[in-house]
Amino acid sequence: MEMRFLGRSGLQCSVLSFGCMTFGGANNFFKAVGETEADEARRLLDICLEAGVNLFDTADVYAGGRSEEVLAEAIKGRRNDILIATKANGRTGPAAHDVGLSRRHLVAACEASLRRLGTDWIDLYQVHSFDALTPLEETLRALDDLVRSGKVRYVACSNYAGWQLMKALSISDRLNLNRFIGQQIQYSLLVRDAEEELLPCGVDQGVGALIWSRLAQGYLSGKFSEADGRGQAPTRLEAMGRLKEFETQRTGAIVALLKEIAAGHEGASPSQVALNWLLQRSGVTSVIIGARNEAQLRDNLAAASWTLSEEEMRRLDLASQAPVIYYPNSHHRMYGAARNPQLFPRFEA
């Protein structure tokens, strides 16, 4: 499997990484996501490692910390073969400092994650979202201290806005702190907002992108129509009451095209086509895949074994193009495209 450097760093990640949010479902929400325990998790990791995956992503709030514990059980004896990425910010207890990105919470959260993961270090420590109540200087100094102490190797952010990412990078540069080398962001054929600010900023500043919700919570798998088996068992989107918001003329056209393109590649699925599209997008380092079972995992991993043509990419770009083009990038595309190569092209119908 292809390896890519994460941002402007020496950390090499497989282009497909594995998300452990399905591990250890501890409440109704996470049970709907998945309830994978140690034996099955160990088998899924075996398959990932055989395919060349080296990055495994989790968070301290996934299943109330149980996800990290299951991952720890699954990686016993092979810690040096993998990269562990986890996150902090979400509420982990009832006290005032059990949430956010204060020094108090970050240091405590990191130490708790290390205990659950059964390891001495975290390869990539990510702040899970922006905390406007804590000064960025405090957060970034705390992260830098964790790196300098050896508990963390690299730091990254997740779910930041473009200006928040740029502000954090500027502070790190000014104070000579370890800067973010990655950003974990939502990006798919259905949700392309990241192309307006986050991905161009990452390309310019040397911040690689790790992609979550690559199949729009499974919708791009093409398995949500009656003909494809919907109704046999509640889907995750149905359980969350969100299916209706996905069923639009635009999404229908995207899924139909995914199926058409998949039919033209032997053994390919709509999911593989959607993943393949992401792997060719500028600024993307690794796409995080998740799976409840071996069949889903093997299908997703196969996306790294073939490549979409330029024409197929163009057709997918056109079908998924969002109707709103944001200013000022719309102006830059129209009047200064040659001077702004970090921006994504727009394929008008």
Protein backbone atom coordinates (compact mmCIF):
# COMPACT_ATOMS: atom_id res chain seq x y z
CA MET A 1 0.00 0.00 0.00
CA GLU A 2 1.21 3.50 -0.82
CA MET A 3 2.74 5.52 2.02
CA ARG A 4 2.53 9.30 2.24
CA PHE A 5 4.21 11.76 4.58
CA LEU A 6 1.73 13.49 6.87
CA GLY A 7 2.10 17.16 6.09
CA ARG A 8 5.57 18.65 6.36
CA SER A 9 6.85 15.92 8.69
CA GLY A 10 8.74 12.65 8.60
CA LEU A 11 5.73 10.61 9.74
CA GLN A 12 4.68 8.19 6.98
CA CYS A 13 1.07 6.97 6.91
CA SER A 14 -0.63 4.41 4.74
CA VAL A 15 -3.10 6.01 2.31
CA LEU A 16 -5.86 4.01 4.00
CA SER A 17 -5.98 4.02 7.80
CA PHE A 18 -8.32 2.24 10.18
CA GLY A 19 -10.84 3.99 12.43
CA CYS A 20 -11.59 2.30 15.75
CA MET A 21 -14.86 4.08 16.54
CA THR A 22 -16.63 0.73 16.08
CA PHE A 23 -14.69 -0.79 18.99
CA GLY A 24 -16.39 -1.51 22.31
CA GLY A 25 -19.79 0.19 21.92
CA ALA A 26 -20.63 1.35 25.44
CA ASN A 27 -23.96 3.19 25.06
CA ASN A 28 -26.83 3.40 22.60
CA PHE A 29 -25.04 5.81 20.29
CA PHE A 30 -21.81 3.83 20.08
CA LYS A 31 -23.65 0.51 19.92
CA ALA A 32 -25.28 1.81 16.73
CA VAL A 33 -21.78 2.52 15.43
CA GLY A 34 -20.34 -0.87 16.41
CA GLU A 35 -19.63 -3.25 19.27
CA THR A 36 -16.37 -4.86 18.17
CA GLU A 37 -14.50 -6.53 21.02
CA ALA A 38 -10.91 -7.75 21.32
CA ASP A 39 -10.99 -11.04 19.36
CA GLU A 40 -12.73 -9.56 16.34
CA ALA A 41 -10.65 -6.38 16.59
CA ARG A 42 -7.48 -8.46 16.53
CA ARG A 43 -8.66 -10.20 13.34
CA LEU A 44 -9.50 -6.86 11.67
CA LEU A 45 -6.07 -5.50 12.59
CA ASP A 46 -4.46 -8.63 11.13
CA ILE A 47 -6.20 -7.95 7.83
CA CYS A 48 -5.17 -4.28 7.91
CA LEU A 49 -1.53 -5.06 8.62
CA GLU A 50 -1.45 -7.69 5.87
CA ALA A 51 -2.74 -5.04 3.44
CA GLY A 52 -0.12 -2.49 4.54
CA VAL A 53 -2.21 -0.26 6.84
CA ASN A 54 -0.09 1.24 9.61
CA LEU A 55 -2.27 4.00 11.17
CA PHE A 56 -5.08 3.26 13.64
CA ASP A 57 -7.26 6.12 14.84
CA THR A 58 -9.36 6.34 17.99
CA ALA A 59 -10.41 8.92 20.64
CA ASP A 60 -10.80 9.06 24.40
CA VAL A 61 -14.58 9.62 24.09
CA TYR A 62 -15.24 6.68 21.76
CA ALA A 63 -17.36 4.24 23.77
CA GLY A 64 -16.34 6.07 26.94
CA GLY A 65 -12.69 5.08 26.51
CA ARG A 66 -13.46 1.46 25.73
CA SER A 67 -12.32 1.89 22.11
CA GLU A 68 -8.79 2.65 23.29
CA GLU A 69 -8.86 -0.37 25.60
CA VAL A 70 -9.99 -2.74 22.84
CA LEU A 71 -7.32 -1.36 20.52
CA ALA A 72 -4.72 -1.97 23.24
CA GLU A 73 -5.79 -5.61 23.52
CA ALA A 74 -5.71 -6.03 19.74
CA ILE A 75 -2.18 -4.67 19.26
CA LYS A 76 -0.43 -6.60 22.02
CA GLY A 77 2.98 -7.73 20.84
CA ARG A 78 3.09 -5.46 17.78
CA ARG A 79 3.12 -1.91 19.11
CA ASN A 80 6.25 -1.03 17.13
CA ASP A 81 4.55 -2.03 13.86
CA ILE A 82 1.77 0.55 14.03
CA LEU A 83 0.98 4.22 14.51
CA ILE A 84 -1.63 5.11 17.11
CA ALA A 85 -3.66 8.30 16.72
CA THR A 86 -6.07 9.39 19.43
CA LYS A 87 -7.86 12.60 20.41
CA ALA A 88 -8.83 14.79 23.35
CA ASN A 89 -11.30 17.59 24.10
CA GLY A 90 -14.63 15.83 24.68
CA ARG A 91 -16.12 15.40 28.14
CA THR A 92 -14.66 12.47 30.07
CA GLY A 93 -16.22 13.16 33.48
CA PRO A 94 -18.48 15.51 35.45
CA ALA A 95 -15.85 17.93 36.79
CA ALA A 96 -15.07 21.37 35.35
CA HIS A 97 -11.72 20.29 33.92
CA ASP A 98 -13.01 17.03 32.39
CA VAL A 99 -13.58 18.73 29.04
CA GLY A 100 -11.86 21.18 26.70
CA LEU A 101 -8.29 22.00 25.74
CA SER A 102 -6.90 23.53 28.92
CA ARG A 103 -3.46 22.42 30.07
CA ARG A 104 -5.15 20.75 33.03
CA HIS A 105 -7.43 18.62 30.87
CA LEU A 106 -4.99 17.88 28.05
CA VAL A 107 -2.26 16.51 30.32
CA ALA A 108 -4.75 14.42 32.31
CA ALA A 109 -6.49 13.19 29.14
CA CYS A 110 -3.20 12.21 27.54
CA GLU A 111 -2.09 10.24 30.60
CA ALA A 112 -5.47 8.50 30.77
CA SER A 113 -5.26 7.56 27.08
CA LEU A 114 -1.74 6.19 27.57
CA ARG A 115 -3.02 3.97 30.39
CA ARG A 116 -5.97 2.68 28.37
CA LEU A 117 -3.82 2.10 25.29
CA GLY A 118 -1.16 0.31 27.34
CA THR A 119 1.65 2.23 25.69
CA ASP A 120 4.36 4.73 26.61
CA TRP A 121 3.72 7.07 23.69
CA ILE A 122 1.05 8.27 21.27
CA ASP A 123 2.22 8.73 17.69
CA LEU A 124 -0.34 11.38 16.73
CA TYR A 125 -2.23 13.31 19.40
CA GLN A 126 -5.15 15.31 18.01
CA VAL A 127 -7.32 17.99 19.55
CA HIS A 128 -10.81 16.76 18.68
CA SER A 129 -12.38 20.17 18.02
CA PHE A 130 -11.84 23.86 18.70
CA ASP A 131 -12.12 25.21 22.25
CA ALA A 132 -12.85 28.95 22.13
CA LEU A 133 -12.84 29.22 25.94
CA THR A 134 -9.17 28.28 26.28
CA PRO A 135 -6.41 30.49 24.80
CA LEU A 136 -4.74 28.76 21.87
CA GLU A 137 -1.36 29.62 23.37
CA GLU A 138 -2.21 27.50 26.44
CA THR A 139 -3.38 24.55 24.34
CA LEU A 140 -0.38 24.65 22.01
CA ARG A 141 2.14 25.00 24.86
CA ALA A 142 0.57 22.01 26.62
CA LEU A 143 0.78 19.95 23.42
CA ASP A 144 4.40 21.02 22.92
CA ASP A 145 5.22 19.95 26.48
CA LEU A 146 3.68 16.53 25.80
CA VAL A 147 5.90 16.15 22.75
CA ARG A 148 9.01 17.28 24.60
CA SER A 149 8.23 14.87 27.45
CA GLY A 150 8.15 11.94 25.01
CA LYS A 151 4.52 11.06 25.67
CA VAL A 152 3.48 12.28 22.22
CA ARG A 153 5.41 12.18 18.94
CA TYR A 154 3.35 14.54 16.74
CA VAL A 155 0.29 16.77 17.18
CA ALA A 156 -2.67 17.55 14.95
CA CYS A 157 -6.12 19.09 15.03
CA SER A 158 -9.58 17.94 14.02
CA ASN A 159 -12.71 19.83 12.98
CA TYR A 160 -11.03 23.24 12.99
CA ALA A 161 -12.16 26.09 10.75
CA GLY A 162 -9.63 27.46 8.28
CA TRP A 163 -8.91 30.59 10.32
CA GLN A 164 -8.53 28.54 13.50
CA LEU A 165 -5.99 26.26 11.84
CA MET A 166 -4.04 29.20 10.43
CA LYS A 167 -4.08 31.01 13.79
CA ALA A 168 -2.76 27.91 15.57
CA LEU A 169 0.04 27.47 13.03
CA SER A 170 1.00 31.13 13.34
CA ILE A 171 1.18 30.92 17.14
CA SER A 172 3.29 27.77 16.98
CA ASP A 173 5.70 29.38 14.54
CA ARG A 174 5.93 32.57 16.60
CA LEU A 175 6.55 30.73 19.89
CA ASN A 176 8.72 27.99 18.36
CA LEU A 177 6.30 25.23 19.39
CA ASN A 178 5.65 21.91 17.69
CA ARG A 179 3.05 22.75 15.04
CA PHE A 180 0.13 20.69 13.75
CA ILE A 181 1.26 18.32 11.01
CA GLY A 182 -2.24 17.03 10.26
CA GLN A 183 -5.90 17.88 10.37
CA GLN A 184 -8.63 15.26 10.61
CA ILE A 185 -11.60 16.53 8.63
CA GLN A 186 -14.93 15.49 7.18
CA TYR A 187 -14.72 15.10 3.41
CA SER A 188 -16.60 13.04 0.84
CA LEU A 189 -18.39 13.30 -2.47
CA LEU A 190 -21.44 14.47 -0.52
CA VAL A 191 -19.65 16.92 1.80
CA ARG A 192 -17.03 18.95 -0.05
CA ASP A 193 -16.88 22.06 2.17
CA ALA A 194 -13.25 21.32 3.08
CA GLU A 195 -12.22 22.34 -0.43
CA GLU A 196 -13.01 25.99 0.31
CA GLU A 197 -10.58 26.67 3.17
CA LEU A 198 -9.19 23.63 5.00
CA LEU A 199 -7.57 21.71 2.16
CA PRO A 200 -6.08 24.78 0.44
CA CYS A 201 -4.72 25.93 3.81
CA GLY A 202 -3.25 22.48 4.43
CA VAL A 203 -1.57 22.37 1.03
CA ASP A 204 -0.08 25.83 1.55
CA GLN A 205 1.04 25.26 5.15
CA GLY A 206 2.21 21.64 4.98
CA VAL A 207 -0.64 20.15 7.02
CA GLY A 208 -1.80 16.77 5.77
CA ALA A 209 -5.45 15.72 5.83
CA LEU A 210 -6.83 12.59 7.46
CA ILE A 211 -10.37 12.03 6.21
CA TRP A 212 -13.35 10.93 8.29
CA SER A 213 -16.90 10.12 7.11
CA ARG A 214 -15.46 9.17 3.74
CA LEU A 215 -18.69 7.39 2.74
CA ALA A 216 -21.04 9.95 4.35
CA GLN A 217 -21.96 7.54 7.16
CA GLY A 218 -22.34 4.71 4.69
CA TYR A 219 -24.68 6.43 2.24
CA LEU A 220 -22.13 6.30 -0.60
CA SER A 221 -21.94 2.52 -0.30
CA GLY A 222 -25.07 2.50 -2.46
CA LYS A 223 -26.91 0.16 -0.11
CA PHE A 224 -29.72 2.46 0.97
CA SER A 225 -32.29 1.69 -1.72
CA GLU A 226 -34.97 -0.99 -1.40
CA ALA A 227 -33.41 -2.81 -4.35
CA ASP A 228 -30.08 -2.97 -2.56
CA GLY A 229 -31.49 -4.44 0.61
CA ARG A 230 -32.63 -1.47 2.65
CA GLY A 231 -35.41 -2.47 5.00
CA GLN A 232 -33.93 -5.84 5.90
CA ALA A 233 -32.33 -4.30 8.99
CA PRO A 234 -32.17 -0.74 10.33
CA THR A 235 -29.24 1.15 8.89
CA ARG A 236 -27.06 3.46 10.97
CA LEU A 237 -28.55 6.53 9.28
CA GLU A 238 -32.07 5.23 9.89
CA ALA A 239 -31.27 4.54 13.54
CA MET A 240 -30.02 8.12 13.89
CA GLY A 241 -33.10 9.51 12.10
CA ARG A 242 -30.94 11.22 9.46
CA LEU A 243 -31.67 9.23 6.31
CA LYS A 244 -34.17 11.70 4.85
CA GLU A 245 -31.65 14.56 4.78
CA PHE A 246 -29.40 12.47 2.53
CA GLU A 247 -32.11 11.60 0.01
CA THR A 248 -31.93 14.43 -2.53
CA GLN A 249 -31.67 14.67 -6.30
CA ARG A 250 -27.95 15.45 -6.00
CA THR A 251 -27.16 12.48 -3.76
CA GLY A 252 -29.19 10.18 -5.99
CA ALA A 253 -27.15 11.27 -9.02
CA ILE A 254 -23.87 10.72 -7.15
CA VAL A 255 -24.80 7.21 -6.01
CA ALA A 256 -26.04 6.27 -9.49
CA LEU A 257 -22.72 7.39 -10.99
CA LEU A 258 -20.75 5.48 -8.32
CA LYS A 259 -22.61 2.31 -9.29
CA GLU A 260 -22.06 2.95 -12.99
CA ILE A 261 -18.32 3.50 -12.59
CA ALA A 262 -17.98 0.50 -10.26
CA ALA A 263 -19.63 -1.70 -12.88
CA GLY A 264 -16.82 -0.77 -15.26
CA HIS A 265 -14.09 -2.05 -12.93
CA GLU A 266 -14.02 -5.77 -12.24
CA GLY A 267 -14.78 -6.56 -8.61
CA ALA A 268 -15.17 -2.91 -7.64
CA SER A 269 -17.95 -1.54 -5.42
CA PRO A 270 -19.48 1.95 -5.13
CA SER A 271 -17.62 2.31 -1.82
CA GLN A 272 -14.30 1.67 -3.53
CA VAL A 273 -15.07 4.29 -6.17
CA ALA A 274 -15.89 6.90 -3.50
CA LEU A 275 -12.67 6.09 -1.61
CA ASN A 276 -10.65 6.13 -4.81
CA TRP A 277 -11.89 9.64 -5.57
CA LEU A 278 -10.72 10.84 -2.16
CA LEU A 279 -7.28 9.28 -2.55
CA GLN A 280 -6.66 11.42 -5.63
CA ARG A 281 -7.71 14.74 -4.05
CA SER A 282 -5.04 17.35 -3.39
CA GLY A 283 -3.93 17.62 0.24
CA VAL A 284 -5.29 14.22 1.32
CA THR A 285 -2.76 12.03 3.15
CA SER A 286 -4.91 9.16 4.39
CA VAL A 287 -8.55 8.13 4.31
CA ILE A 288 -9.85 6.57 7.52
CA ILE A 289 -11.94 3.48 6.88
CA GLY A 290 -14.10 1.74 9.44
CA ALA A 291 -15.68 -1.67 9.31
CA ARG A 292 -18.00 -3.76 11.44
CA ASN A 293 -16.90 -7.00 9.80
CA GLU A 294 -14.21 -8.59 7.65
CA ALA A 295 -16.18 -8.35 4.39
CA GLN A 296 -16.62 -4.57 4.71
CA LEU A 297 -12.96 -4.13 5.59
CA ARG A 298 -11.64 -6.17 2.67
CA ASP A 299 -13.90 -4.31 0.26
CA ASN A 300 -12.69 -0.92 1.51
CA LEU A 301 -9.03 -1.96 1.44
CA ALA A 302 -9.36 -2.96 -2.22
CA ALA A 303 -9.85 0.71 -3.10
CA ALA A 304 -6.08 1.19 -2.81
CA SER A 305 -5.39 -1.44 -5.50
CA TRP A 306 -6.70 0.47 -8.54
CA THR A 307 -7.13 4.04 -9.77
CA LEU A 308 -9.93 6.06 -11.37
CA SER A 309 -9.28 7.60 -14.77
CA GLU A 310 -9.14 11.36 -15.27
CA GLU A 311 -12.50 11.24 -17.04
CA GLU A 312 -14.09 9.29 -14.17
CA MET A 313 -12.70 11.82 -11.71
CA ARG A 314 -14.12 14.66 -13.81
CA ARG A 315 -17.57 13.05 -13.95
CA LEU A 316 -17.60 12.52 -10.18
CA ASP A 317 -16.45 16.10 -9.60
CA LEU A 318 -19.26 17.41 -11.79
CA ALA A 319 -21.98 15.21 -10.25
CA SER A 320 -20.99 16.11 -6.68
CA GLN A 321 -20.25 19.80 -7.21
CA ALA A 322 -21.99 21.79 -4.50
CA PRO A 323 -24.49 24.41 -5.73
CA VAL A 324 -22.99 27.19 -3.60
CA ILE A 325 -19.56 28.56 -4.48
CA TYR A 326 -18.15 30.54 -1.58
CA TYR A 327 -16.71 34.05 -1.82
CA PRO A 328 -13.85 34.97 -2.05
CA ASN A 329 -12.71 31.64 -3.50
CA SER A 330 -15.37 31.99 -6.19
CA HIS A 331 -13.75 35.26 -7.22
CA HIS A 332 -10.26 33.73 -7.14
CA ARG A 333 -11.38 30.84 -9.35
CA MET A 334 -13.05 33.09 -11.84
CA TYR A 335 -10.43 35.83 -12.16
CA GLY A 336 -7.19 34.41 -10.78
CA ALA A 337 -7.18 30.63 -11.16
CA ALA A 338 -3.68 30.62 -12.61
CA ARG A 339 -2.37 32.43 -9.52
CA ASN A 340 -4.22 30.21 -7.01
CA PRO A 341 -3.29 26.60 -7.90
CA GLN A 342 -4.11 25.38 -4.36
CA LEU A 343 -7.85 25.88 -5.07
CA PHE A 344 -9.90 23.06 -6.52
CA PRO A 345 -11.23 23.48 -10.06
CA ARG A 346 -14.96 23.76 -10.68
CA PHE A 347 -16.53 21.77 -13.49
CA GLU A 348 -19.60 23.61 -14.62
CA ALA A 349 -22.43 21.62 -16.18
